[in-house]
Amino acid sequence: MTEITETTTPAELDLRGVMCPYNYVKTKLKLESMEVGQILSVIVDDGEPIRNVPRSIAEDGHTILKKEKVGNSFRVLIRKQG
């Protein structure tokens, strides 16, 4: 399993300004194009996006590694699971 290290460069998806449920759909589509174990960094807005995207992605079976506030937005690190 891939560990987050200094040399791990996650794929990035900036979804600031994208409304629900489109931010979840775009996240899901990006994860589908990635290999198991890869890390995706998603930037979403406060409110519904930060509440719904991590929950929905976790329900899909992926692992939420970290949620952190970045300015007025949030970064969510996701590890793709099989």
C-alpha atoms as a PDB file:
ATOM      1  CA  MET A   1       0.000   0.000   0.000  1.00  0.00           C
ATOM      2  CA  THR A   2       1.308   3.478  -0.862  1.00  0.00           C
ATOM      3  CA  GLU A   3       2.272   5.648   2.102  1.00  0.00           C
ATOM      4  CA  ILE A   4       2.181   9.433   2.007  1.00  0.00           C
ATOM      5  CA  THR A   5       5.783  10.587   2.015  1.00  0.00           C
ATOM      6  CA  GLU A   6       7.726  13.663   1.058  1.00  0.00           C
ATOM      7  CA  THR A   7       8.144  12.218  -2.451  1.00  0.00           C
ATOM      8  CA  THR A   8       4.509  11.219  -3.002  1.00  0.00           C
ATOM      9  CA  THR A   9       2.893  13.608  -5.458  1.00  0.00           C
ATOM     10  CA  PRO A  10      -0.882  13.226  -5.363  1.00  0.00           C
ATOM     11  CA  ALA A  11      -3.044  13.903  -8.378  1.00  0.00           C
ATOM     12  CA  GLU A  12      -4.882  17.181  -7.820  1.00  0.00           C
ATOM     13  CA  LEU A  13      -8.436  18.272  -8.544  1.00  0.00           C
ATOM     14  CA  ASP A  14      -9.502  21.866  -7.821  1.00  0.00           C
ATOM     15  CA  LEU A  15     -13.273  21.960  -7.430  1.00  0.00           C
ATOM     16  CA  ARG A  16     -13.685  25.383  -5.856  1.00  0.00           C
ATOM     17  CA  GLY A  17     -16.903  26.927  -7.120  1.00  0.00           C
ATOM     18  CA  VAL A  18     -18.325  23.564  -8.251  1.00  0.00           C
ATOM     19  CA  MET A  19     -21.758  22.822  -6.783  1.00  0.00           C
ATOM     20  CA  CYS A  20     -23.008  19.544  -5.279  1.00  0.00           C
ATOM     21  CA  PRO A  21     -23.389  16.906  -6.598  1.00  0.00           C
ATOM     22  CA  TYR A  22     -21.047  17.784  -9.487  1.00  0.00           C
ATOM     23  CA  ASN A  23     -17.991  18.011  -7.220  1.00  0.00           C
ATOM     24  CA  TYR A  24     -18.646  14.445  -6.017  1.00  0.00           C
ATOM     25  CA  VAL A  25     -19.213  13.203  -9.588  1.00  0.00           C
ATOM     26  CA  LYS A  26     -15.973  14.826 -10.800  1.00  0.00           C
ATOM     27  CA  THR A  27     -14.068  13.339  -7.844  1.00  0.00           C
ATOM     28  CA  LYS A  28     -15.506   9.887  -8.527  1.00  0.00           C
ATOM     29  CA  LEU A  29     -14.636  10.086 -12.240  1.00  0.00           C
ATOM     30  CA  LYS A  30     -11.057  11.139 -11.443  1.00  0.00           C
ATOM     31  CA  LEU A  31     -10.662   8.253  -8.979  1.00  0.00           C
ATOM     32  CA  GLU A  32     -11.936   5.816 -11.634  1.00  0.00           C
ATOM     33  CA  SER A  33      -9.046   6.857 -13.908  1.00  0.00           C
ATOM     34  CA  MET A  34      -6.451   6.232 -11.178  1.00  0.00           C
ATOM     35  CA  GLU A  35      -4.783   3.040  -9.964  1.00  0.00           C
ATOM     36  CA  VAL A  36      -5.517   1.436  -6.589  1.00  0.00           C
ATOM     37  CA  GLY A  37      -3.343   2.984  -3.876  1.00  0.00           C
ATOM     38  CA  GLN A  38      -2.829   6.305  -5.644  1.00  0.00           C
ATOM     39  CA  ILE A  39      -3.588   9.513  -3.748  1.00  0.00           C
ATOM     40  CA  LEU A  40      -5.949  12.247  -4.958  1.00  0.00           C
ATOM     41  CA  SER A  41      -5.925  15.744  -3.491  1.00  0.00           C
ATOM     42  CA  VAL A  42      -9.292  17.458  -3.941  1.00  0.00           C
ATOM     43  CA  ILE A  43      -9.918  21.111  -3.093  1.00  0.00           C
ATOM     44  CA  VAL A  44     -13.540  21.909  -2.273  1.00  0.00           C
ATOM     45  CA  ASP A  45     -15.486  24.795  -0.802  1.00  0.00           C
ATOM     46  CA  ASP A  46     -16.829  25.064   2.739  1.00  0.00           C
ATOM     47  CA  GLY A  47     -20.433  24.023   3.413  1.00  0.00           C
ATOM     48  CA  GLU A  48     -22.087  21.208   1.467  1.00  0.00           C
ATOM     49  CA  PRO A  49     -18.960  20.243  -0.525  1.00  0.00           C
ATOM     50  CA  ILE A  50     -16.742  19.546   2.504  1.00  0.00           C
ATOM     51  CA  ARG A  51     -19.593  17.739   4.262  1.00  0.00           C
ATOM     52  CA  ASN A  52     -20.760  15.647   1.298  1.00  0.00           C
ATOM     53  CA  VAL A  53     -17.734  14.822  -0.869  1.00  0.00           C
ATOM     54  CA  PRO A  54     -15.618  13.047   1.805  1.00  0.00           C
ATOM     55  CA  ARG A  55     -18.651  11.176   3.150  1.00  0.00           C
ATOM     56  CA  SER A  56     -19.771  10.004  -0.296  1.00  0.00           C
ATOM     57  CA  ILE A  57     -16.261   8.990  -1.363  1.00  0.00           C
ATOM     58  CA  ALA A  58     -15.797   7.020   1.884  1.00  0.00           C
ATOM     59  CA  GLU A  59     -19.164   5.309   1.254  1.00  0.00           C
ATOM     60  CA  ASP A  60     -17.763   4.291  -2.158  1.00  0.00           C
ATOM     61  CA  GLY A  61     -15.003   2.449  -0.269  1.00  0.00           C
ATOM     62  CA  HIS A  62     -12.099   4.863  -0.654  1.00  0.00           C
ATOM     63  CA  THR A  63      -9.993   6.058   2.278  1.00  0.00           C
ATOM     64  CA  ILE A  64     -10.059   9.681   3.441  1.00  0.00           C
ATOM     65  CA  LEU A  65      -6.513  10.281   4.657  1.00  0.00           C
ATOM     66  CA  LYS A  66      -6.796  13.916   5.672  1.00  0.00           C
ATOM     67  CA  LYS A  67      -9.058  16.967   5.607  1.00  0.00           C
ATOM     68  CA  GLU A  68      -7.444  20.358   6.120  1.00  0.00           C
ATOM     69  CA  LYS A  69      -8.520  23.963   5.798  1.00  0.00           C
ATOM     70  CA  VAL A  70      -6.606  25.856   3.114  1.00  0.00           C
ATOM     71  CA  GLY A  71      -7.585  29.522   3.055  1.00  0.00           C
ATOM     72  CA  ASN A  72     -11.355  29.658   2.453  1.00  0.00           C
ATOM     73  CA  SER A  73     -11.412  26.104   1.063  1.00  0.00           C
ATOM     74  CA  PHE A  74     -10.567  22.579   2.198  1.00  0.00           C
ATOM     75  CA  ARG A  75      -8.115  19.988   0.885  1.00  0.00           C
ATOM     76  CA  VAL A  76      -9.180  16.358   1.106  1.00  0.00           C
ATOM     77  CA  LEU A  77      -6.589  13.621   0.552  1.00  0.00           C
ATOM     78  CA  ILE A  78      -8.122  10.394  -0.734  1.00  0.00           C
ATOM     79  CA  ARG A  79      -6.471   7.007  -1.269  1.00  0.00           C
ATOM     80  CA  LYS A  80      -8.123   5.004  -4.027  1.00  0.00           C
ATOM     81  CA  GLN A  81      -9.200   1.550  -2.936  1.00  0.00           C
ATOM     82  CA  GLY A  82     -10.059  -1.420  -5.157  1.00  0.00           C
END
